[in-house]
Amino acid sequence: MTRCRATIVDITHDIPPHDIARGAYLLAAVAPTFPAGTVHFAVVDPGVGTARLGVVARTTRGHFIVTPDNGTLTLVVEDIAEVREIDVARQRL
């Protein structure tokens, strides 16, 4: 069995509720400082628990960003190589 080691870095919980613009700014400022292969979870969502789509974006720097489709990717859009929808019916876990 292969063991996987992960380092979890919690950047902040201080973004005001529903402030997607601030979350987008922080993501754009912090993500490039991490190494390729990093998976970023960026959740600032006024619609948690709704039908809002989840997405995974792969950047040209080799990062992955998991976030709701709510504008969080706005300031990193030029660095995005690919975006895929998370199909919760098929990929529940």
Protein backbone atom coordinates (compact mmCIF):
# COMPACT_ATOMS: atom_id res chain seq x y z
CA MET A 1 0.00 0.00 0.00
CA THR A 2 1.32 3.42 -0.94
CA ARG A 3 1.18 6.03 1.78
CA CYS A 4 0.24 9.58 0.95
CA ARG A 5 1.42 12.47 3.05
CA ALA A 6 -0.42 15.74 2.91
CA THR A 7 0.40 19.07 4.46
CA ILE A 8 -2.69 21.10 5.25
CA VAL A 9 -2.29 24.88 5.34
CA ASP A 10 -5.31 26.80 6.57
CA ILE A 11 -4.91 30.30 5.16
CA THR A 12 -7.88 32.04 6.77
CA HIS A 13 -11.36 31.87 8.16
CA ASP A 14 -11.51 35.68 8.38
CA ILE A 15 -13.20 36.43 5.06
CA PRO A 16 -16.56 38.03 5.83
CA PRO A 17 -19.56 35.85 4.93
CA HIS A 18 -20.58 36.19 1.28
CA ASP A 19 -17.50 38.29 0.34
CA ILE A 20 -16.59 36.39 -2.81
CA ALA A 21 -14.47 39.28 -4.12
CA ARG A 22 -12.21 39.12 -1.06
CA GLY A 23 -11.96 35.34 -1.37
CA ALA A 24 -11.01 35.68 -5.05
CA TYR A 25 -8.35 38.26 -4.14
CA LEU A 26 -6.85 36.06 -1.44
CA LEU A 27 -6.81 33.02 -3.73
CA ALA A 28 -5.02 34.99 -6.46
CA ALA A 29 -2.51 36.37 -3.95
CA VAL A 30 -1.68 33.13 -2.14
CA ALA A 31 -2.02 30.28 -4.67
CA PRO A 32 1.07 31.16 -6.74
CA THR A 33 3.27 30.88 -3.64
CA PHE A 34 2.58 27.14 -3.35
CA PRO A 35 4.36 24.41 -5.33
CA ALA A 36 2.93 22.67 -8.38
CA GLY A 37 0.57 19.85 -7.44
CA THR A 38 -1.03 21.82 -4.62
CA VAL A 39 -4.79 21.40 -4.22
CA HIS A 40 -6.52 24.57 -3.03
CA PHE A 41 -10.02 24.51 -1.54
CA ALA A 42 -11.56 27.97 -1.83
CA VAL A 43 -15.07 28.17 -0.41
CA VAL A 44 -16.79 31.51 0.04
CA ASP A 45 -20.32 30.68 -0.97
CA PRO A 46 -23.56 32.42 -0.12
CA GLY A 47 -25.39 29.41 -1.54
CA VAL A 48 -23.99 26.52 0.53
CA GLY A 49 -26.33 23.59 0.27
CA THR A 50 -27.93 24.83 -2.94
CA ALA A 51 -27.74 23.50 -6.47
CA ARG A 52 -24.67 25.68 -7.21
CA LEU A 53 -22.11 23.73 -9.20
CA GLY A 54 -18.76 22.77 -7.79
CA VAL A 55 -15.76 22.96 -10.09
CA VAL A 56 -12.13 21.88 -10.21
CA ALA A 57 -9.77 24.14 -12.12
CA ARG A 58 -6.27 23.11 -13.23
CA THR A 59 -3.90 26.03 -13.59
CA THR A 60 -0.98 26.47 -15.94
CA ARG A 61 1.26 26.35 -12.84
CA GLY A 62 0.07 22.83 -12.02
CA HIS A 63 -2.27 23.75 -9.17
CA PHE A 64 -5.81 22.46 -8.67
CA ILE A 65 -8.53 24.71 -7.26
CA VAL A 66 -11.73 23.20 -5.90
CA THR A 67 -14.42 25.84 -5.47
CA PRO A 68 -18.08 26.63 -6.07
CA ASP A 69 -18.93 28.20 -9.42
CA ASN A 70 -19.53 31.61 -7.86
CA GLY A 71 -16.79 33.95 -9.08
CA THR A 72 -13.98 32.78 -6.82
CA LEU A 73 -11.85 32.04 -9.91
CA THR A 74 -12.30 35.55 -11.34
CA LEU A 75 -8.81 36.83 -10.55
CA VAL A 76 -6.98 33.65 -11.59
CA VAL A 77 -8.90 33.08 -14.82
CA GLU A 78 -5.90 33.91 -17.04
CA ASP A 79 -3.90 31.17 -15.29
CA ILE A 80 -6.56 28.47 -15.78
CA ALA A 81 -5.80 25.69 -18.26
CA GLU A 82 -8.94 23.63 -17.70
CA VAL A 83 -12.13 23.61 -15.61
CA ARG A 84 -14.34 20.63 -14.91
CA GLU A 85 -17.69 20.44 -13.17
CA ILE A 86 -17.92 18.21 -10.12
CA ASP A 87 -20.81 15.84 -10.79
CA VAL A 88 -21.99 15.04 -7.26
CA ALA A 89 -24.30 12.34 -8.57
CA ARG A 90 -21.26 10.39 -9.85
CA GLN A 91 -18.45 11.70 -7.63
CA ARG A 92 -20.19 11.91 -4.25
CA LEU A 93 -17.08 11.08 -2.23
